[in-house]
Amino acid sequence: MTQPPATPEVAGTVADAPKGNWVDRLAPGWSRPWLRLSRADRPIGTWLLLLPCLWGVFLAAASSPGSLGGITLWIVTGCTLGAFLMRGAGCTWNDITDRDFDGRVARTRSRPIPSGQVTVRGAILWMVAQSLIAFLILLTFKPAAIALGVASLAVVAIYPFAKRFTWWPQVFLGLAFNWGALLAWAAQTGSLSLAPVLLYLAGIAWTVFYDTIYAHQDREDDALIGIKSTALLFGDRTRAWLRGFLLAAAVLMTSAVVAALTPAASLTALLLALAGVWGFAAHLFWQLARLDPDDADLCLRLFRSNRDAGLLVALFFAGAAIV
């Protein structure tokens, strides 16, 4: 007997979402496919998009003693809302472009589009709605930040296709996910300088580190369907490559702090900011020590732990801005 198409409630949760997440437990049934399309059931992506924004705004505030005030609080709020919305819009765009691939990978075939819970047309309208709200928030920032926000759309648009033409799609993800370091710095100061550029490059190295770990979950499926990734490129030399990107992230972030905080900031602010960088590096070394590329569950847990690594930087940069 032919079974009727699965409703969102029958279809259940997305396979790679955390168990017991708030969308599955609390969101109204009608909203769940849309929230899942935006990855609201997996907040790690929003954190990884937001954290470079926090680095940028707090390090910018620390570089100009006495500048921490109401405008910074709005920048933090605006970036938080914008990160949630643009991560949702970006994930929606990614699922639109990857719908055929997602249907052929065990971990992703339960996502809203390949599982039939959301149509492509509906997904496009949802993406546009999220983007427009984020744009309205962007318009409250300084002109340089607005220009950077608009420019970021080019990188966001290209990223889903990167895995088709390069073994380095994680670099394109890094270009998109760390743009907030530039945007938030410009929102705080009205312009850019060497420090935010170094911070941006540090974030890109960090993204290659954590997303290579993430990509090891899908190595076999990716190889079968022809998707490229650094996990496949690095292979048995993954640890050596990740060690290199870890060191690159730490050196670039240290350079960003020195460029931002000398000579204007106090020695206390400089040491606080550097402590955050060193704590961040220690966390990445801890991840690398535990990594087993053949253990998909462990790879996912280590990937998610990067929220804590990035928060160390944000909290210490905030401390440097306050002292």
Protein backbone atom coordinates (compact mmCIF):
# COMPACT_ATOMS: atom_id res chain seq x y z
CA MET A 1 0.00 0.00 0.00
CA THR A 2 1.37 3.40 -0.99
CA GLN A 3 2.13 5.69 1.95
CA PRO A 4 1.16 9.38 1.83
CA PRO A 5 3.94 11.97 1.69
CA ALA A 6 5.50 12.62 5.08
CA THR A 7 4.39 15.73 6.89
CA PRO A 8 6.99 17.72 8.85
CA GLU A 9 5.75 16.09 12.05
CA VAL A 10 5.99 12.56 10.60
CA ALA A 11 9.32 13.28 8.95
CA GLY A 12 10.77 14.10 12.37
CA THR A 13 14.03 15.83 13.06
CA VAL A 14 16.93 16.49 10.73
CA ALA A 15 19.51 13.73 11.12
CA ASP A 16 22.50 15.90 12.05
CA ALA A 17 20.68 18.29 14.39
CA PRO A 18 21.40 18.09 18.14
CA LYS A 19 18.93 15.88 19.94
CA GLY A 20 16.28 17.74 21.92
CA ASN A 21 17.02 21.11 20.30
CA TRP A 22 14.59 23.96 20.86
CA VAL A 23 13.06 23.78 17.39
CA ASP A 24 12.03 20.15 17.85
CA ARG A 25 10.76 20.76 21.39
CA LEU A 26 9.23 24.23 21.40
CA ALA A 27 8.61 25.64 17.92
CA PRO A 28 5.07 25.40 16.46
CA GLY A 29 4.78 22.51 14.01
CA TRP A 30 4.16 24.74 10.99
CA SER A 31 7.37 26.70 11.59
CA ARG A 32 9.76 23.80 12.05
CA PRO A 33 10.65 23.15 8.37
CA TRP A 34 11.51 26.84 7.91
CA LEU A 35 13.56 27.05 11.08
CA ARG A 36 15.36 23.84 10.14
CA LEU A 37 16.06 25.30 6.70
CA SER A 38 17.76 28.21 8.50
CA ARG A 39 19.63 25.74 10.76
CA ALA A 40 18.00 27.31 13.83
CA ASP A 41 18.05 23.82 15.32
CA ARG A 42 21.87 23.93 15.11
CA PRO A 43 23.05 27.21 16.66
CA ILE A 44 26.77 26.44 16.25
CA GLY A 45 26.75 28.03 12.78
CA THR A 46 25.28 31.26 14.12
CA TRP A 47 27.96 31.32 16.80
CA LEU A 48 30.73 30.79 14.26
CA LEU A 49 29.38 33.66 12.14
CA LEU A 50 28.84 35.95 15.13
CA LEU A 51 32.13 35.41 16.94
CA PRO A 52 34.37 37.19 14.39
CA CYS A 53 31.94 40.14 14.60
CA LEU A 54 32.45 40.25 18.37
CA TRP A 55 36.22 40.02 17.91
CA GLY A 56 36.12 42.96 15.53
CA VAL A 57 33.94 45.28 17.59
CA PHE A 58 35.66 44.57 20.91
CA LEU A 59 39.20 44.81 19.55
CA ALA A 60 38.26 48.05 17.78
CA ALA A 61 36.87 49.43 21.03
CA ALA A 62 40.01 48.36 22.89
CA SER A 63 42.18 50.13 20.32
CA SER A 64 40.56 53.47 21.17
CA PRO A 65 40.43 53.85 24.97
CA GLY A 66 37.19 55.42 26.12
CA SER A 67 35.28 54.40 22.98
CA LEU A 68 33.22 51.63 24.59
CA GLY A 69 29.66 52.92 24.92
CA GLY A 70 26.11 52.80 23.65
CA ILE A 71 27.03 52.56 19.99
CA THR A 72 29.09 49.42 20.72
CA LEU A 73 26.13 47.85 22.49
CA TRP A 74 23.95 48.41 19.44
CA ILE A 75 26.67 47.03 17.15
CA VAL A 76 26.81 43.87 19.27
CA THR A 77 23.01 43.58 19.22
CA GLY A 78 22.79 44.30 15.51
CA CYS A 79 25.54 41.82 14.69
CA THR A 80 23.85 39.15 16.81
CA LEU A 81 20.54 39.57 15.02
CA GLY A 82 22.29 39.89 11.67
CA ALA A 83 24.33 36.74 12.24
CA PHE A 84 21.19 34.74 13.00
CA LEU A 85 19.39 36.09 9.93
CA MET A 86 22.27 35.91 7.47
CA ARG A 87 23.33 32.48 8.65
CA GLY A 88 19.73 31.44 8.03
CA ALA A 89 19.67 33.06 4.59
CA GLY A 90 23.06 31.55 3.71
CA CYS A 91 22.03 28.07 4.80
CA THR A 92 18.81 28.40 2.82
CA TRP A 93 20.80 29.40 -0.27
CA ASN A 94 23.20 26.51 0.34
CA ASP A 95 20.32 24.03 0.56
CA ILE A 96 18.74 25.40 -2.61
CA THR A 97 21.96 24.94 -4.59
CA ASP A 98 22.84 21.60 -2.95
CA ARG A 99 19.39 20.00 -2.99
CA ASP A 100 20.42 17.24 -5.42
CA PHE A 101 23.64 16.47 -3.53
CA ASP A 102 21.88 16.54 -0.15
CA GLY A 103 19.40 13.92 -1.28
CA ARG A 104 22.28 11.52 -1.95
CA VAL A 105 24.10 11.93 1.39
CA ALA A 106 22.85 10.05 4.45
CA ARG A 107 23.50 12.91 6.87
CA THR A 108 21.63 15.52 4.78
CA ARG A 109 18.81 13.76 2.96
CA SER A 110 16.40 14.56 5.83
CA ARG A 111 16.84 18.32 5.37
CA PRO A 112 13.68 20.25 4.44
CA ILE A 113 14.17 20.56 0.67
CA PRO A 114 15.36 17.02 -0.26
CA SER A 115 12.81 15.51 2.14
CA GLY A 116 9.99 17.49 0.49
CA GLN A 117 8.99 19.58 3.50
CA VAL A 118 9.78 22.87 1.71
CA THR A 119 9.62 23.68 -2.00
CA VAL A 120 12.44 25.45 -3.83
CA ARG A 121 10.16 28.43 -4.49
CA GLY A 122 9.25 28.64 -0.81
CA ALA A 123 12.91 28.42 0.14
CA ILE A 124 13.81 31.30 -2.18
CA LEU A 125 11.10 33.51 -0.65
CA TRP A 126 12.29 32.57 2.85
CA MET A 127 15.88 33.44 1.94
CA VAL A 128 14.84 36.83 0.57
CA ALA A 129 12.77 37.64 3.66
CA GLN A 130 15.67 36.89 6.02
CA SER A 131 18.09 38.90 3.88
CA LEU A 132 15.84 41.95 3.75
CA ILE A 133 15.45 42.09 7.53
CA ALA A 134 19.22 41.76 7.93
CA PHE A 135 19.72 44.58 5.42
CA LEU A 136 17.48 46.88 7.44
CA ILE A 137 19.69 46.25 10.47
CA LEU A 138 22.82 46.86 8.39
CA LEU A 139 21.48 50.29 7.38
CA THR A 140 21.79 51.45 11.01
CA PHE A 141 25.60 51.07 10.87
CA LYS A 142 28.21 53.48 9.51
CA PRO A 143 28.62 53.82 5.72
CA ALA A 144 31.84 51.78 5.57
CA ALA A 145 30.14 48.89 7.36
CA ILE A 146 27.12 49.10 5.03
CA ALA A 147 29.40 48.91 2.00
CA LEU A 148 31.21 45.90 3.44
CA GLY A 149 27.92 44.20 4.22
CA VAL A 150 26.72 44.57 0.65
CA ALA A 151 30.09 43.38 -0.70
CA SER A 152 29.89 40.22 1.41
CA LEU A 153 26.97 38.97 -0.68
CA ALA A 154 29.35 38.08 -3.51
CA VAL A 155 31.30 35.68 -1.29
CA VAL A 156 28.11 34.22 0.20
CA ALA A 157 26.71 33.60 -3.28
CA ILE A 158 29.84 31.80 -4.50
CA TYR A 159 30.50 29.57 -1.47
CA PRO A 160 27.94 26.78 -2.17
CA PHE A 161 29.53 26.20 -5.59
CA ALA A 162 33.14 26.11 -4.34
CA LYS A 163 33.03 22.39 -3.55
CA ARG A 164 32.36 21.77 -7.24
CA PHE A 165 35.50 23.47 -8.60
CA THR A 166 38.14 23.50 -5.84
CA TRP A 167 39.57 21.22 -3.16
CA TRP A 168 39.56 24.27 -0.87
CA PRO A 169 35.86 25.12 -0.29
CA GLN A 170 36.72 25.67 3.39
CA VAL A 171 38.68 28.77 2.36
CA PHE A 172 35.57 30.19 0.69
CA LEU A 173 33.58 29.41 3.83
CA GLY A 174 36.23 31.27 5.81
CA LEU A 175 36.00 34.27 3.51
CA ALA A 176 32.25 34.43 4.14
CA PHE A 177 32.05 33.48 7.83
CA ASN A 178 34.76 35.87 9.02
CA TRP A 179 33.65 38.93 7.05
CA GLY A 180 32.03 40.16 10.24
CA ALA A 181 35.46 40.94 11.71
CA LEU A 182 35.88 43.61 9.01
CA LEU A 183 32.27 44.78 9.12
CA ALA A 184 32.07 45.14 12.90
CA TRP A 185 35.41 46.96 13.08
CA ALA A 186 34.16 49.39 10.44
CA ALA A 187 30.85 49.77 12.28
CA GLN A 188 32.78 50.73 15.42
CA THR A 189 35.48 52.95 13.88
CA GLY A 190 34.10 54.02 10.51
CA SER A 191 37.08 52.64 8.56
CA LEU A 192 39.50 49.72 8.21
CA SER A 193 43.18 49.30 9.08
CA LEU A 194 45.80 46.56 9.23
CA ALA A 195 44.49 45.05 12.49
CA PRO A 196 41.04 43.96 11.24
CA VAL A 197 42.58 42.55 8.06
CA LEU A 198 44.95 40.40 10.13
CA LEU A 199 42.01 39.38 12.34
CA TYR A 200 40.04 38.42 9.23
CA LEU A 201 42.90 36.28 7.93
CA ALA A 202 43.22 34.60 11.35
CA GLY A 203 39.53 33.75 11.20
CA ILE A 204 39.91 32.21 7.74
CA ALA A 205 42.72 29.94 9.01
CA TRP A 206 40.51 28.99 11.97
CA THR A 207 37.61 28.17 9.65
CA VAL A 208 39.77 25.86 7.53
CA PHE A 209 40.79 24.15 10.80
CA TYR A 210 37.28 23.53 12.15
CA ASP A 211 35.50 22.90 8.87
CA THR A 212 38.07 20.33 7.79
CA ILE A 213 37.24 18.46 11.00
CA TYR A 214 33.54 18.81 10.15
CA ALA A 215 34.08 17.61 6.57
CA HIS A 216 35.61 14.34 7.75
CA GLN A 217 32.07 13.21 8.61
CA ASP A 218 31.18 13.07 4.90
CA ARG A 219 34.42 11.88 3.29
CA GLU A 220 33.02 8.67 1.82
CA ASP A 221 29.79 10.20 0.50
CA ASP A 222 31.64 13.25 -0.87
CA ALA A 223 34.11 11.05 -2.71
CA LEU A 224 31.31 8.99 -4.24
CA ILE A 225 29.32 11.96 -5.55
CA GLY A 226 32.30 14.07 -6.61
CA ILE A 227 32.28 16.81 -3.96
CA LYS A 228 35.69 18.26 -3.08
CA SER A 229 36.91 19.23 0.40
CA THR A 230 40.08 19.76 2.39
CA ALA A 231 39.24 16.58 4.32
CA LEU A 232 39.66 14.59 1.11
CA LEU A 233 42.62 16.67 -0.03
CA PHE A 234 44.57 16.32 3.22
CA GLY A 235 43.72 12.65 3.76
CA ASP A 236 46.21 10.93 6.05
CA ARG A 237 48.10 14.22 6.51
CA THR A 238 45.11 15.97 8.08
CA ARG A 239 46.82 16.43 11.45
CA ALA A 240 49.89 18.06 9.92
CA TRP A 241 47.80 20.43 7.80
CA LEU A 242 45.56 21.35 10.72
CA ARG A 243 48.57 22.05 12.89
CA GLY A 244 49.75 24.50 10.25
CA PHE A 245 46.40 26.31 10.09
CA LEU A 246 46.22 26.38 13.90
CA LEU A 247 49.61 28.10 14.08
CA ALA A 248 48.66 30.47 11.27
CA ALA A 249 45.48 31.48 13.12
CA ALA A 250 47.37 32.07 16.37
CA VAL A 251 50.17 34.09 14.75
CA LEU A 252 47.80 36.22 12.67
CA MET A 253 45.52 36.90 15.63
CA THR A 254 48.49 37.82 17.84
CA SER A 255 49.66 40.20 15.11
CA ALA A 256 46.18 41.73 14.92
CA VAL A 257 46.19 42.39 18.67
CA VAL A 258 49.64 43.97 18.57
CA ALA A 259 48.71 46.11 15.57
CA ALA A 260 45.47 47.25 17.23
CA LEU A 261 46.64 47.88 20.77
CA THR A 262 50.15 49.32 20.47
CA PRO A 263 50.88 51.99 21.39
CA ALA A 264 47.47 53.48 22.26
CA ALA A 265 46.07 50.88 24.68
CA SER A 266 47.31 50.08 28.17
CA LEU A 267 49.63 47.17 28.92
CA THR A 268 46.79 45.52 30.85
CA ALA A 269 44.53 45.66 27.80
CA LEU A 270 47.27 44.23 25.60
CA LEU A 271 47.96 41.34 27.98
CA LEU A 272 44.25 40.56 28.37
CA ALA A 273 43.76 40.41 24.62
CA LEU A 274 46.84 38.23 24.17
CA ALA A 275 45.62 35.89 26.92
CA GLY A 276 42.46 35.37 24.90
CA VAL A 277 44.49 34.49 21.81
CA TRP A 278 46.67 32.04 23.74
CA GLY A 279 43.61 30.41 25.33
CA PHE A 280 42.12 30.09 21.85
CA ALA A 281 45.30 28.43 20.54
CA ALA A 282 45.38 26.06 23.52
CA HIS A 283 41.80 25.00 22.80
CA LEU A 284 42.68 24.24 19.17
CA PHE A 285 45.68 22.19 20.29
CA TRP A 286 43.33 20.26 22.60
CA GLN A 287 41.02 19.54 19.66
CA LEU A 288 43.91 18.37 17.54
CA ALA A 289 45.16 16.05 20.29
CA ARG A 290 41.74 14.39 20.54
CA LEU A 291 40.99 14.23 16.81
CA ASP A 292 40.27 10.89 15.18
CA PRO A 293 39.27 11.63 11.56
CA ASP A 294 37.58 8.22 11.31
CA ASP A 295 35.21 8.90 14.23
CA ALA A 296 32.35 10.96 12.77
CA ASP A 297 30.64 11.58 16.11
CA LEU A 298 33.87 12.86 17.63
CA CYS A 299 34.49 15.10 14.62
CA LEU A 300 31.07 16.68 15.12
CA ARG A 301 31.67 17.23 18.84
CA LEU A 302 35.06 18.81 18.21
CA PHE A 303 33.62 21.01 15.49
CA ARG A 304 30.91 22.26 17.86
CA SER A 305 33.50 22.96 20.57
CA ASN A 306 34.85 25.80 18.44
CA ARG A 307 32.13 27.99 19.88
CA ASP A 308 34.03 27.87 23.16
CA ALA A 309 37.36 28.54 21.46
CA GLY A 310 35.98 31.64 19.75
CA LEU A 311 34.21 32.81 22.90
CA LEU A 312 37.54 32.87 24.75
CA VAL A 313 38.79 35.45 22.27
CA ALA A 314 35.60 37.51 22.41
CA LEU A 315 35.49 37.62 26.22
CA PHE A 316 39.14 38.61 26.61
CA PHE A 317 38.85 41.23 23.85
CA ALA A 318 35.80 42.62 25.66
CA GLY A 319 37.84 42.74 28.85
CA ALA A 320 40.58 44.62 27.02
CA ALA A 321 38.01 47.15 25.82
CA ILE A 322 36.71 47.73 29.33
CA VAL A 323 39.93 48.14 31.31
